[in-house]
Amino acid sequence: MMISDKQVHQVAKLFAAQLQVRPVGKPAAPERSLRPDSVELSRERREIQAAPQAIQEAPEMRMETVARSKAALEAGRYDISRRQAAQEMLARSLVGRLR
């Protein structure tokens, strides 16, 4: 079945006419003022949304931590467990993927 442009225009006219006609005896609905939609994000969501920017703005190395580690290493006091080292490497890997 083929539908012509003329048929499409006729249907559109009928539809538009129906939108303007109200049933007899039925009062018109009061006009409501249209207001724009709005969304309010939770505090947690705003923090999550800001996290990538904060990570990007953070310095790559925290110099005070590097200085403490270097001093402890030179003094022979730098002792870190293999488990702790693995956890740190994994954490940094995951943070790197967020960027």
C-alpha atoms as a PDB file:
ATOM      1  CA  MET A   1       0.000   0.000   0.000  1.00  0.00           C
ATOM      2  CA  MET A   2       1.361   3.376  -0.943  1.00  0.00           C
ATOM      3  CA  ILE A   3       0.576   6.547   0.928  1.00  0.00           C
ATOM      4  CA  SER A   4       0.701   9.778  -1.011  1.00  0.00           C
ATOM      5  CA  ASP A   5       1.837  13.163   0.211  1.00  0.00           C
ATOM      6  CA  LYS A   6      -1.748  14.379  -0.195  1.00  0.00           C
ATOM      7  CA  GLN A   7      -2.999  11.709   2.235  1.00  0.00           C
ATOM      8  CA  VAL A   8      -0.314  12.579   4.772  1.00  0.00           C
ATOM      9  CA  HIS A   9      -1.258  16.265   4.623  1.00  0.00           C
ATOM     10  CA  GLN A  10      -4.957  15.439   5.049  1.00  0.00           C
ATOM     11  CA  VAL A  11      -4.243  13.346   8.149  1.00  0.00           C
ATOM     12  CA  ALA A  12      -2.057  16.112   9.571  1.00  0.00           C
ATOM     13  CA  LYS A  13      -4.853  18.672   9.028  1.00  0.00           C
ATOM     14  CA  LEU A  14      -7.419  16.437  10.740  1.00  0.00           C
ATOM     15  CA  PHE A  15      -5.106  15.850  13.673  1.00  0.00           C
ATOM     16  CA  ALA A  16      -4.441  19.572  14.072  1.00  0.00           C
ATOM     17  CA  ALA A  17      -8.176  20.290  13.922  1.00  0.00           C
ATOM     18  CA  GLN A  18      -8.887  17.716  16.635  1.00  0.00           C
ATOM     19  CA  LEU A  19      -6.346  19.323  18.926  1.00  0.00           C
ATOM     20  CA  GLN A  20      -8.241  22.610  18.730  1.00  0.00           C
ATOM     21  CA  VAL A  21     -11.782  21.239  19.226  1.00  0.00           C
ATOM     22  CA  ARG A  22     -13.102  20.754  22.777  1.00  0.00           C
ATOM     23  CA  PRO A  23     -16.130  18.603  23.591  1.00  0.00           C
ATOM     24  CA  VAL A  24     -19.329  20.635  24.136  1.00  0.00           C
ATOM     25  CA  GLY A  25     -20.128  21.352  27.772  1.00  0.00           C
ATOM     26  CA  LYS A  26     -16.651  20.538  28.989  1.00  0.00           C
ATOM     27  CA  PRO A  27     -14.889  23.569  30.431  1.00  0.00           C
ATOM     28  CA  ALA A  28     -11.452  24.389  29.180  1.00  0.00           C
ATOM     29  CA  ALA A  29      -8.628  23.313  31.407  1.00  0.00           C
ATOM     30  CA  PRO A  30      -7.003  26.216  33.208  1.00  0.00           C
ATOM     31  CA  GLU A  31      -3.814  27.315  31.549  1.00  0.00           C
ATOM     32  CA  ARG A  32      -0.805  26.181  33.476  1.00  0.00           C
ATOM     33  CA  SER A  33       2.327  28.200  33.371  1.00  0.00           C
ATOM     34  CA  LEU A  34       5.056  26.155  31.832  1.00  0.00           C
ATOM     35  CA  ARG A  35       8.276  26.114  33.737  1.00  0.00           C
ATOM     36  CA  PRO A  36      11.500  24.595  32.545  1.00  0.00           C
ATOM     37  CA  ASP A  37      12.514  21.174  33.786  1.00  0.00           C
ATOM     38  CA  SER A  38      15.197  21.148  36.425  1.00  0.00           C
ATOM     39  CA  VAL A  39      17.445  18.579  38.025  1.00  0.00           C
ATOM     40  CA  GLU A  40      19.239  18.764  41.332  1.00  0.00           C
ATOM     41  CA  LEU A  41      22.169  16.423  41.867  1.00  0.00           C
ATOM     42  CA  SER A  42      22.939  14.948  45.266  1.00  0.00           C
ATOM     43  CA  ARG A  43      26.085  15.988  47.099  1.00  0.00           C
ATOM     44  CA  GLU A  44      27.625  12.556  46.447  1.00  0.00           C
ATOM     45  CA  ARG A  45      26.951  12.797  42.720  1.00  0.00           C
ATOM     46  CA  ARG A  46      28.460  16.287  42.547  1.00  0.00           C
ATOM     47  CA  GLU A  47      31.581  14.982  44.300  1.00  0.00           C
ATOM     48  CA  ILE A  48      31.814  12.040  41.910  1.00  0.00           C
ATOM     49  CA  GLN A  49      31.377  14.393  38.975  1.00  0.00           C
ATOM     50  CA  ALA A  50      34.149  16.667  40.273  1.00  0.00           C
ATOM     51  CA  ALA A  51      36.605  13.817  40.978  1.00  0.00           C
ATOM     52  CA  PRO A  52      38.164  13.511  37.487  1.00  0.00           C
ATOM     53  CA  GLN A  53      38.863  17.254  37.406  1.00  0.00           C
ATOM     54  CA  ALA A  54      40.413  17.146  40.901  1.00  0.00           C
ATOM     55  CA  ILE A  55      42.584  14.198  39.898  1.00  0.00           C
ATOM     56  CA  GLN A  56      43.703  16.002  36.763  1.00  0.00           C
ATOM     57  CA  GLU A  57      44.594  19.145  38.723  1.00  0.00           C
ATOM     58  CA  ALA A  58      46.509  17.258  41.421  1.00  0.00           C
ATOM     59  CA  PRO A  59      50.274  17.237  41.015  1.00  0.00           C
ATOM     60  CA  GLU A  60      51.696  14.015  39.599  1.00  0.00           C
ATOM     61  CA  MET A  61      54.066  13.651  42.554  1.00  0.00           C
ATOM     62  CA  ARG A  62      53.556  14.889  46.075  1.00  0.00           C
ATOM     63  CA  MET A  63      56.980  16.278  46.807  1.00  0.00           C
ATOM     64  CA  GLU A  64      56.633  16.089  50.604  1.00  0.00           C
ATOM     65  CA  THR A  65      55.870  12.358  50.374  1.00  0.00           C
ATOM     66  CA  VAL A  66      58.791  11.835  48.011  1.00  0.00           C
ATOM     67  CA  ALA A  67      61.111  13.698  50.399  1.00  0.00           C
ATOM     68  CA  ARG A  68      59.970  11.603  53.398  1.00  0.00           C
ATOM     69  CA  SER A  69      60.389   8.367  51.484  1.00  0.00           C
ATOM     70  CA  LYS A  70      63.811   9.393  50.199  1.00  0.00           C
ATOM     71  CA  ALA A  71      64.983  10.319  53.714  1.00  0.00           C
ATOM     72  CA  ALA A  72      63.677   7.020  55.137  1.00  0.00           C
ATOM     73  CA  LEU A  73      65.351   5.059  52.329  1.00  0.00           C
ATOM     74  CA  GLU A  74      68.692   6.810  52.860  1.00  0.00           C
ATOM     75  CA  ALA A  75      68.455   6.216  56.619  1.00  0.00           C
ATOM     76  CA  GLY A  76      67.650   2.537  56.121  1.00  0.00           C
ATOM     77  CA  ARG A  77      64.203   2.917  57.693  1.00  0.00           C
ATOM     78  CA  TYR A  78      62.132   2.468  54.527  1.00  0.00           C
ATOM     79  CA  ASP A  79      60.290  -0.801  55.022  1.00  0.00           C
ATOM     80  CA  ILE A  80      57.207  -1.639  53.029  1.00  0.00           C
ATOM     81  CA  SER A  81      55.513  -5.006  52.788  1.00  0.00           C
ATOM     82  CA  ARG A  82      55.030  -6.706  49.442  1.00  0.00           C
ATOM     83  CA  ARG A  83      51.295  -6.689  50.041  1.00  0.00           C
ATOM     84  CA  GLN A  84      51.272  -2.944  50.677  1.00  0.00           C
ATOM     85  CA  ALA A  85      53.379  -2.330  47.553  1.00  0.00           C
ATOM     86  CA  ALA A  86      50.980  -4.425  45.452  1.00  0.00           C
ATOM     87  CA  GLN A  87      47.970  -2.558  46.842  1.00  0.00           C
ATOM     88  CA  GLU A  88      49.574   0.800  46.037  1.00  0.00           C
ATOM     89  CA  MET A  89      50.432  -0.295  42.495  1.00  0.00           C
ATOM     90  CA  LEU A  90      46.891  -1.548  41.922  1.00  0.00           C
ATOM     91  CA  ALA A  91      45.352   1.638  43.336  1.00  0.00           C
ATOM     92  CA  ARG A  92      47.507   3.835  41.109  1.00  0.00           C
ATOM     93  CA  SER A  93      46.649   1.683  38.105  1.00  0.00           C
ATOM     94  CA  LEU A  94      42.931   2.133  38.761  1.00  0.00           C
ATOM     95  CA  VAL A  95      43.297   5.886  39.256  1.00  0.00           C
ATOM     96  CA  GLY A  96      45.211   6.061  35.983  1.00  0.00           C
ATOM     97  CA  ARG A  97      42.267   4.470  34.160  1.00  0.00           C
ATOM     98  CA  LEU A  98      39.886   7.138  35.479  1.00  0.00           C
ATOM     99  CA  ARG A  99      41.780   9.880  33.690  1.00  0.00           C
END
